[in-house]
């Protein structure tokens, strides 16, 4: 959960750093250059750790023999997993196998899940969907030494301050005796455990749910379930409320209202002709909801409720958030197979998406990093350009829009 990279399908091979639970600078200094020897930096860090009260024994056990891993630096600076279309991303991650495995996990650990729901109000399927996407229930936590990964990223100039802090938190976890250095194996981005916490969130939010005196998110199902539920509650989960609902759309809507930042009463969507996925009327009440259409008005459509905000704090990728929330509805049997995902919807290539972003920047928009990833800033700019050209303002960039902007 606390992340920087995600562990979708074998986390060690597909990680990307976008930031879940922590806020990373959107314009990280990808082109900065390192100076000074790694060994000198590490010796300085050792002194800093000792000054913060970490025992010499822990420092030695954690850092003796640690070397720089240049492959991690290269990997951190070239990330493209989240540039995939929502259709590709969701199909790859929200699989039938994960649905079945999630249901089996709930059945196997039902007593723990029920306890967590009583304590924190978070349904089992919400926990298992994150668990599935982050590590395939522990199968794909990664194969890197977390301590070496964190030391490498703390030395690197790109996000030095962030990872120096995370390495310090990792040493504090070791100092408490919750895990051993040899067990700290995970993602190249330093995330820990089966639901992928950065060390800071592990240290601050882990709970001893099996009562054995430690908080082990690598091996203890009870600690993993309890901690994940506790953290989701910390992010603002509202007990007993929905999080995501797939819907059908009428041919015409005020498309500019389809925006995660715009919340309207559910009755308004009902009045405009939005129905549930089976074509039945929505509940006509004042519950605040947003309409989210990640592939535009012709693709899958979802109503996002207040609890969906938790997903956007966990991870800043809209594709990830919708996929995780949708997978939870499938595991919990409140949602069916996704509609509209396989329609032939024109999409920009990565090269075209970068071109679109460059044109938007030239026209005065802030789209963040020009990386071909259609994030919230790019979508907001796209909406304004669609309104300018008299196109349906659904925030989805198409080849047609790009052609207009080129002109």
Protein backbone atom coordinates (compact mmCIF):
# COMPACT_ATOMS: atom_id res chain seq x y z
CA UNK A 1 0.00 0.00 0.00
CA UNK A 2 2.47 2.48 0.74
CA UNK A 3 3.94 2.76 -2.51
CA UNK A 4 5.83 3.90 -5.21
CA UNK A 5 5.54 1.06 -7.46
CA UNK A 6 2.90 -1.50 -7.78
CA UNK A 7 2.94 -5.18 -7.79
CA UNK A 8 0.42 -6.24 -10.32
CA UNK A 9 1.72 -9.37 -12.01
CA UNK A 10 4.92 -10.48 -10.41
CA UNK A 11 5.85 -7.18 -8.85
CA UNK A 12 9.52 -7.68 -9.54
CA UNK A 13 9.04 -7.34 -13.26
CA UNK A 14 6.23 -4.82 -13.68
CA UNK A 15 6.82 -2.12 -11.13
CA UNK A 16 6.40 1.52 -11.84
CA UNK A 17 6.55 4.44 -9.62
CA UNK A 18 3.44 6.54 -9.46
CA UNK A 19 2.72 6.76 -5.76
CA UNK A 20 0.00 5.39 -3.80
CA UNK A 21 -0.30 6.27 -0.28
CA UNK A 22 2.40 8.91 -0.37
CA UNK A 23 2.55 12.02 -2.43
CA UNK A 24 5.54 12.09 -4.70
CA UNK A 25 6.54 15.17 -6.64
CA UNK A 26 4.90 14.95 -10.03
CA UNK A 27 7.93 16.41 -11.76
CA UNK A 28 10.66 14.29 -10.26
CA UNK A 29 14.13 15.21 -11.42
CA UNK A 30 14.49 12.28 -13.79
CA UNK A 31 17.54 13.79 -15.48
CA UNK A 32 19.52 14.76 -12.38
CA UNK A 33 23.07 13.46 -11.98
CA UNK A 34 24.63 11.83 -8.97
CA UNK A 35 27.92 13.00 -7.51
CA UNK A 36 30.02 11.54 -4.75
CA UNK A 37 30.78 7.92 -3.91
CA UNK A 38 28.02 5.61 -2.70
CA UNK A 39 30.29 4.35 0.10
CA UNK A 40 30.75 7.90 1.39
CA UNK A 41 27.02 8.51 1.33
CA UNK A 42 26.37 5.22 3.15
CA UNK A 43 28.86 6.03 5.93
CA UNK A 44 27.16 9.39 6.44
CA UNK A 45 23.77 7.68 6.58
CA UNK A 46 25.06 5.22 9.20
CA UNK A 47 26.04 8.13 11.42
CA UNK A 48 22.65 9.75 10.89
CA UNK A 49 20.86 6.51 11.83
CA UNK A 50 22.91 6.17 15.00
CA UNK A 51 22.06 9.79 15.89
CA UNK A 52 18.36 8.92 15.54
CA UNK A 53 18.70 6.21 18.16
CA UNK A 54 18.92 3.11 16.00
CA UNK A 55 21.17 0.49 17.55
CA UNK A 56 24.60 -0.16 16.11
CA UNK A 57 23.69 -3.85 15.87
CA UNK A 58 20.68 -3.11 13.65
CA UNK A 59 22.68 -0.72 11.47
CA UNK A 60 25.39 -3.31 10.95
CA UNK A 61 22.96 -6.17 10.26
CA UNK A 62 21.06 -4.05 7.77
CA UNK A 63 23.79 -2.20 5.92
CA UNK A 64 27.04 -4.18 6.12
CA UNK A 65 27.94 -5.24 2.61
CA UNK A 66 25.18 -3.20 0.91
CA UNK A 67 26.21 -1.98 -2.54
CA UNK A 68 24.72 0.34 -5.15
CA UNK A 69 22.36 -1.27 -7.68
CA UNK A 70 22.49 0.83 -10.84
CA UNK A 71 19.77 -1.26 -12.48
CA UNK A 72 17.32 0.08 -9.90
CA UNK A 73 18.23 3.67 -10.75
CA UNK A 74 17.69 2.94 -14.45
CA UNK A 75 14.39 1.25 -13.72
CA UNK A 76 13.15 4.12 -11.59
CA UNK A 77 13.76 6.56 -14.43
CA UNK A 78 12.06 4.59 -17.17
CA UNK A 79 8.55 3.60 -16.27
CA UNK A 80 5.76 2.90 -18.72
CA UNK A 81 3.40 0.35 -17.23
CA UNK A 82 0.74 2.97 -16.45
CA UNK A 83 0.86 4.33 -19.99
CA UNK A 84 -1.24 1.34 -21.04
CA UNK A 85 -4.86 1.96 -21.93
CA UNK A 86 -7.45 1.26 -19.26
CA UNK A 87 -8.77 -1.66 -21.32
CA UNK A 88 -5.36 -3.33 -21.47
CA UNK A 89 -4.52 -2.52 -17.88
CA UNK A 90 -7.78 -3.75 -16.36
CA UNK A 91 -7.89 -6.90 -18.47
CA UNK A 92 -4.36 -7.76 -17.43
CA UNK A 93 -4.96 -7.23 -13.73
CA UNK A 94 -8.65 -7.92 -12.98
CA UNK A 95 -8.49 -11.55 -14.05
CA UNK A 96 -10.86 -14.42 -13.38
CA UNK A 97 -8.05 -16.20 -11.57
CA UNK A 98 -7.70 -13.31 -9.12
CA UNK A 99 -11.45 -13.23 -8.59
CA UNK A 100 -11.50 -16.94 -7.73
CA UNK A 101 -8.36 -16.78 -5.60
CA UNK A 102 -9.71 -13.77 -3.70
CA UNK A 103 -12.94 -15.59 -2.91
CA UNK A 104 -11.00 -18.66 -1.72
CA UNK A 105 -8.81 -16.48 0.49
CA UNK A 106 -11.89 -14.91 2.09
CA UNK A 107 -13.40 -18.32 2.73
CA UNK A 108 -10.16 -19.68 4.19
CA UNK A 109 -9.63 -16.70 6.53
CA UNK A 110 -13.26 -15.77 7.07
CA UNK A 111 -12.92 -15.32 10.83
CA UNK A 112 -10.07 -12.82 10.39
CA UNK A 113 -11.86 -10.92 7.62
CA UNK A 114 -15.05 -10.71 9.68
CA UNK A 115 -13.07 -9.44 12.66
CA UNK A 116 -11.38 -6.81 10.49
CA UNK A 117 -14.72 -5.66 9.12
CA UNK A 118 -16.09 -5.33 12.66
CA UNK A 119 -13.03 -3.40 13.77
CA UNK A 120 -12.51 -1.16 10.75
CA UNK A 121 -15.63 -1.35 8.57
CA UNK A 122 -13.75 -2.51 5.47
CA UNK A 123 -15.33 -5.39 3.48
CA UNK A 124 -13.21 -8.50 2.79
CA UNK A 125 -13.40 -8.05 -0.99
CA UNK A 126 -11.86 -4.57 -0.78
CA UNK A 127 -8.87 -5.95 1.14
CA UNK A 128 -8.43 -8.96 -1.13
CA UNK A 129 -8.57 -6.89 -4.32
CA UNK A 130 -5.63 -4.77 -3.14
CA UNK A 131 -3.87 -7.92 -1.95
CA UNK A 132 -4.33 -9.53 -5.36
CA UNK A 133 -3.09 -6.54 -7.37
CA UNK A 134 -0.15 -5.77 -5.13
CA UNK A 135 1.43 -9.21 -4.87
CA UNK A 136 -0.91 -11.98 -6.03
CA UNK A 137 -1.37 -12.87 -2.35
CA UNK A 138 2.36 -13.01 -1.69
CA UNK A 139 3.49 -14.79 -4.85
CA UNK A 140 4.76 -11.60 -6.47
CA UNK A 141 6.21 -9.47 -3.67
CA UNK A 142 9.46 -9.11 -5.59
CA UNK A 143 12.95 -10.56 -5.32
CA UNK A 144 15.03 -7.54 -4.43
CA UNK A 145 16.77 -6.81 -1.17
CA UNK A 146 14.58 -4.00 0.14
CA UNK A 147 17.48 -2.56 2.12
CA UNK A 148 19.74 -2.43 -0.95
CA UNK A 149 16.92 -0.97 -3.04
CA UNK A 150 16.15 1.74 -0.49
CA UNK A 151 19.83 2.58 -0.04
CA UNK A 152 20.25 2.88 -3.82
CA UNK A 153 17.20 5.13 -4.19
CA UNK A 154 18.22 7.20 -1.14
CA UNK A 155 21.65 7.79 -2.70
CA UNK A 156 20.14 8.65 -6.10
CA UNK A 157 19.46 12.36 -6.65
CA UNK A 158 15.94 11.85 -8.09
CA UNK A 159 14.06 11.33 -4.82
CA UNK A 160 16.86 11.39 -2.29
CA UNK A 161 14.94 12.97 0.59
CA UNK A 162 11.96 10.63 0.28
CA UNK A 163 14.00 7.43 0.22
CA UNK A 164 16.47 8.51 2.86
CA UNK A 165 13.47 8.75 5.16
CA UNK A 166 12.11 5.39 3.99
CA UNK A 167 15.44 3.67 4.62
CA UNK A 168 15.49 5.13 8.12
CA UNK A 169 11.97 3.80 8.75
CA UNK A 170 13.05 0.37 7.53
CA UNK A 171 15.87 0.34 10.09
CA UNK A 172 13.40 1.29 12.81
CA UNK A 173 11.21 -1.67 11.85
CA UNK A 174 14.24 -3.94 12.16
CA UNK A 175 15.15 -2.34 15.47
CA UNK A 176 11.72 -3.30 16.83
CA UNK A 177 12.33 -6.91 15.87
CA UNK A 178 9.22 -7.22 13.72
CA UNK A 179 11.15 -8.79 10.83
CA UNK A 180 14.71 -9.85 10.11
CA UNK A 181 16.94 -8.29 7.42
CA UNK A 182 17.00 -11.54 5.46
CA UNK A 183 13.19 -11.47 5.25
CA UNK A 184 13.12 -7.97 3.76
CA UNK A 185 12.75 -9.14 0.19
CA UNK A 186 10.38 -7.22 -2.06
CA UNK A 187 10.08 -4.67 -4.84
CA UNK A 188 12.84 -2.65 -6.39
CA UNK A 189 11.03 0.46 -5.10
CA UNK A 190 11.42 -0.61 -1.48
CA UNK A 191 7.83 -1.63 -0.80
CA UNK A 192 7.32 -4.21 1.89
CA UNK A 193 4.97 -7.09 2.50
CA UNK A 194 2.10 -8.64 0.62
CA UNK A 195 0.10 -5.43 0.29
CA UNK A 196 3.22 -3.41 -0.48
CA UNK A 197 3.70 -0.75 2.18
CA UNK A 198 6.50 1.74 2.10
CA UNK A 199 8.40 1.44 5.41
CA UNK A 200 6.89 4.64 6.86
CA UNK A 201 3.36 3.31 6.57
CA UNK A 202 4.43 -0.14 7.74
CA UNK A 203 5.92 1.42 10.87
CA UNK A 204 2.98 3.75 11.55
CA UNK A 205 0.03 1.52 10.70
CA UNK A 206 0.96 -2.17 11.04
CA UNK A 207 -1.07 -4.06 13.65
CA UNK A 208 -0.33 -7.28 15.47
CA UNK A 209 -3.50 -9.11 14.43
CA UNK A 210 -2.30 -12.62 15.24
CA UNK A 211 -1.19 -11.62 18.75
CA UNK A 212 2.34 -13.00 18.54
CA UNK A 213 4.05 -9.75 19.51
CA UNK A 214 5.32 -8.81 16.03
CA UNK A 215 3.83 -7.19 12.93
CA UNK A 216 4.82 -9.29 9.97
CA UNK A 217 3.33 -8.21 6.64
CA UNK A 218 5.48 -10.68 4.75
CA UNK A 219 4.18 -13.94 6.22
CA UNK A 220 1.21 -13.47 8.58
CA UNK A 221 -2.21 -13.46 6.90
CA UNK A 222 -3.76 -12.06 10.06
CA UNK A 223 -1.33 -9.14 10.26
CA UNK A 224 -1.75 -8.47 6.53
CA UNK A 225 -5.56 -8.43 6.73
CA UNK A 226 -5.75 -6.39 9.91
CA UNK A 227 -3.12 -3.88 8.84
CA UNK A 228 -4.57 -3.38 5.37
CA UNK A 229 -8.04 -2.82 6.85
CA UNK A 230 -6.66 -0.41 9.46
CA UNK A 231 -4.84 1.58 6.82
CA UNK A 232 -7.85 1.75 4.52
CA UNK A 233 -9.88 3.09 7.42
CA UNK A 234 -7.11 5.61 8.11
CA UNK A 235 -7.47 6.83 4.53
CA UNK A 236 -11.13 7.65 5.18
CA UNK A 237 -13.19 4.53 4.46
CA UNK A 238 -16.88 4.96 5.32
CA UNK A 239 -18.43 1.87 6.86
CA UNK A 240 -21.36 0.37 4.98
CA UNK A 241 -21.11 2.62 1.91
CA UNK A 242 -20.39 1.57 -1.70
CA UNK A 243 -17.22 2.47 -3.56
CA UNK A 244 -17.79 1.80 -7.27
CA UNK A 245 -20.72 0.76 -9.46
CA UNK A 246 -20.64 -0.03 -13.15
CA UNK A 247 -23.41 1.73 -15.06
CA UNK A 248 -24.91 2.16 -18.52
CA UNK A 249 -25.07 5.57 -20.16
CA UNK A 250 -27.69 7.13 -22.42
CA UNK A 251 -26.57 8.44 -25.85
CA UNK A 252 -26.44 12.01 -24.61
CA UNK A 253 -25.26 13.43 -21.33
CA UNK A 254 -23.65 16.70 -20.26
CA UNK A 255 -20.30 14.94 -20.74
CA UNK A 256 -18.36 17.71 -19.06
CA UNK A 257 -19.91 16.51 -15.79
CA UNK A 258 -18.18 13.13 -16.14
CA UNK A 259 -15.27 14.03 -13.91
CA UNK A 260 -13.98 12.54 -10.69
CA UNK A 261 -13.75 16.03 -9.20
CA UNK A 262 -17.48 16.66 -9.81
CA UNK A 263 -19.87 15.03 -7.35
CA UNK A 264 -23.62 15.13 -7.99
CA UNK A 265 -26.56 13.51 -6.19
CA UNK A 266 -27.21 10.02 -7.48
CA UNK A 267 -30.73 11.22 -8.33
CA UNK A 268 -29.23 13.59 -10.94
CA UNK A 269 -27.58 10.74 -12.83
CA UNK A 270 -30.84 8.82 -12.62
CA UNK A 271 -32.73 11.81 -14.02
CA UNK A 272 -30.29 12.01 -16.95
CA UNK A 273 -30.94 8.37 -17.82
CA UNK A 274 -27.96 6.61 -16.29
CA UNK A 275 -28.89 3.08 -15.17
CA UNK A 276 -27.13 0.26 -13.40
CA UNK A 277 -25.16 -2.27 -15.46
CA UNK A 278 -28.29 -4.33 -16.09
CA UNK A 279 -30.36 -1.36 -17.26
CA UNK A 280 -32.30 -0.88 -14.03
CA UNK A 281 -32.94 2.60 -12.56
CA UNK A 282 -30.48 3.91 -10.01
CA UNK A 283 -31.52 4.72 -6.48
CA UNK A 284 -32.84 8.25 -6.69
CA UNK A 285 -31.29 9.76 -3.58
CA UNK A 286 -28.85 12.49 -2.65
CA UNK A 287 -25.78 10.26 -2.21
CA UNK A 288 -22.86 12.16 -3.82
CA UNK A 289 -21.39 10.38 -6.83
CA UNK A 290 -19.03 11.06 -9.72
CA UNK A 291 -19.26 9.60 -13.20
CA UNK A 292 -15.96 8.11 -14.36
CA UNK A 293 -15.46 7.09 -17.99
CA UNK A 294 -11.79 6.11 -18.38
CA UNK A 295 -12.10 5.37 -22.12
CA UNK A 296 -14.55 8.10 -22.98
CA UNK A 297 -18.29 8.02 -23.45
CA UNK A 298 -18.22 4.81 -25.55
CA UNK A 299 -16.26 2.73 -23.08
CA UNK A 300 -16.92 1.32 -19.60
CA UNK A 301 -18.68 3.71 -17.21
CA UNK A 302 -18.73 3.81 -13.42
CA UNK A 303 -20.28 5.76 -10.62
CA UNK A 304 -17.62 6.51 -8.02
CA UNK A 305 -18.80 7.03 -4.45
CA UNK A 306 -17.07 8.71 -1.53
CA UNK A 307 -15.17 5.54 -0.65
CA UNK A 308 -13.53 5.63 -4.06
CA UNK A 309 -11.46 8.54 -2.72
CA UNK A 310 -9.56 5.96 -0.67
CA UNK A 311 -8.40 4.31 -3.89
CA UNK A 312 -7.07 7.58 -5.27
CA UNK A 313 -5.06 8.06 -2.09
CA UNK A 314 -3.69 4.52 -2.30
CA UNK A 315 -2.54 5.06 -5.86
CA UNK A 316 -2.51 8.06 -8.18
CA UNK A 317 -3.18 6.08 -11.36
CA UNK A 318 -6.85 6.26 -12.35
CA UNK A 319 -6.53 2.98 -14.26
CA UNK A 320 -5.19 1.27 -11.14
CA UNK A 321 -7.89 2.76 -8.90
CA UNK A 322 -10.80 1.75 -11.12
CA UNK A 323 -9.32 -1.70 -11.67
CA UNK A 324 -8.83 -2.32 -7.94
CA UNK A 325 -12.31 -1.06 -7.07
CA UNK A 326 -13.93 -3.02 -9.91
CA UNK A 327 -12.05 -6.19 -8.93
CA UNK A 328 -13.44 -5.82 -5.41
CA UNK A 329 -17.00 -5.73 -6.77
CA UNK A 330 -16.30 -8.91 -8.73
CA UNK A 331 -14.80 -10.73 -5.76
CA UNK A 332 -17.76 -9.65 -3.64
CA UNK A 333 -20.28 -10.61 -6.37
CA UNK A 334 -21.82 -7.14 -6.53
CA UNK A 335 -20.49 -6.51 -10.04
CA UNK A 336 -20.48 -8.50 -13.26
CA UNK A 337 -18.13 -8.76 -16.27
CA UNK A 338 -17.08 -5.30 -17.43
CA UNK A 339 -19.09 -3.83 -20.29
CA UNK A 340 -17.61 -1.78 -23.09
CA UNK A 341 -14.01 -2.66 -22.38
CA UNK A 342 -13.57 -4.61 -25.63
CA UNK A 343 -15.27 -2.13 -27.94
CA UNK A 344 -13.22 -0.74 -30.79
CA UNK A 345 -12.45 2.64 -29.27
CA UNK A 346 -9.82 4.78 -31.03
CA UNK A 347 -6.83 5.32 -28.78
CA UNK A 348 -3.61 7.28 -28.97
CA UNK A 349 -0.32 5.45 -29.17
CA UNK A 350 2.33 6.31 -26.56
CA UNK A 351 4.08 8.49 -29.14
CA UNK A 352 0.83 10.29 -29.97
CA UNK A 353 -0.01 10.76 -26.29
CA UNK A 354 3.34 12.46 -25.74
CA UNK A 355 2.72 14.64 -28.78
CA UNK A 356 -0.67 15.61 -27.36
CA UNK A 357 0.94 16.57 -24.07
CA UNK A 358 3.60 18.67 -25.80
CA UNK A 359 0.93 20.57 -27.75
CA UNK A 360 -1.05 21.14 -24.55
CA UNK A 361 2.06 22.52 -22.85
CA UNK A 362 2.66 24.88 -25.77
CA UNK A 363 -0.91 26.09 -25.32
CA UNK A 364 -0.29 26.90 -21.69
CA UNK A 365 -1.55 23.82 -19.88
CA UNK A 366 0.25 22.08 -17.03
CA UNK A 367 0.14 18.34 -17.77
CA UNK A 368 2.93 17.32 -15.45
CA UNK A 369 5.67 15.18 -16.96
CA UNK A 370 5.43 14.53 -20.70
CA UNK A 371 5.39 10.75 -20.45
CA UNK A 372 2.37 9.61 -22.46
CA UNK A 373 0.45 8.76 -19.28
CA UNK A 374 -2.97 10.38 -19.42
CA UNK A 375 -3.27 11.53 -15.82
CA UNK A 376 -5.68 13.93 -14.18
CA UNK A 377 -3.92 17.07 -15.42
CA UNK A 378 -3.85 15.86 -19.01
CA UNK A 379 -7.50 14.83 -18.84
CA UNK A 380 -8.50 18.24 -17.48
CA UNK A 381 -6.66 19.97 -20.32
CA UNK A 382 -8.21 17.61 -22.87
CA UNK A 383 -11.67 18.49 -21.60
CA UNK A 384 -11.01 22.20 -22.12
CA UNK A 385 -9.81 21.57 -25.67
CA UNK A 386 -12.86 19.41 -26.43
CA UNK A 387 -15.12 22.22 -25.23
CA UNK A 388 -13.18 24.69 -27.39
CA UNK A 389 -13.64 22.55 -30.50
CA UNK A 390 -17.28 21.71 -29.79
CA UNK A 391 -16.56 18.01 -29.19
CA UNK A 392 -18.17 15.86 -26.46
CA UNK A 393 -16.19 16.88 -23.39
CA UNK A 394 -15.58 13.44 -21.92
CA UNK A 395 -11.87 14.12 -21.16
CA UNK A 396 -10.77 11.17 -23.31
CA UNK A 397 -8.09 12.08 -25.90
CA UNK A 398 -8.75 10.63 -29.34
CA UNK A 399 -6.89 10.72 -32.66
CA UNK A 400 -9.61 13.07 -33.89
CA UNK A 401 -8.83 15.57 -31.14
CA UNK A 402 -5.09 15.31 -31.79
CA UNK A 403 -5.64 16.04 -35.49
CA UNK A 404 -7.63 19.16 -34.59
CA UNK A 405 -4.94 20.33 -32.22
CA UNK A 406 -2.20 19.83 -34.78
CA UNK A 407 -4.04 22.23 -37.04
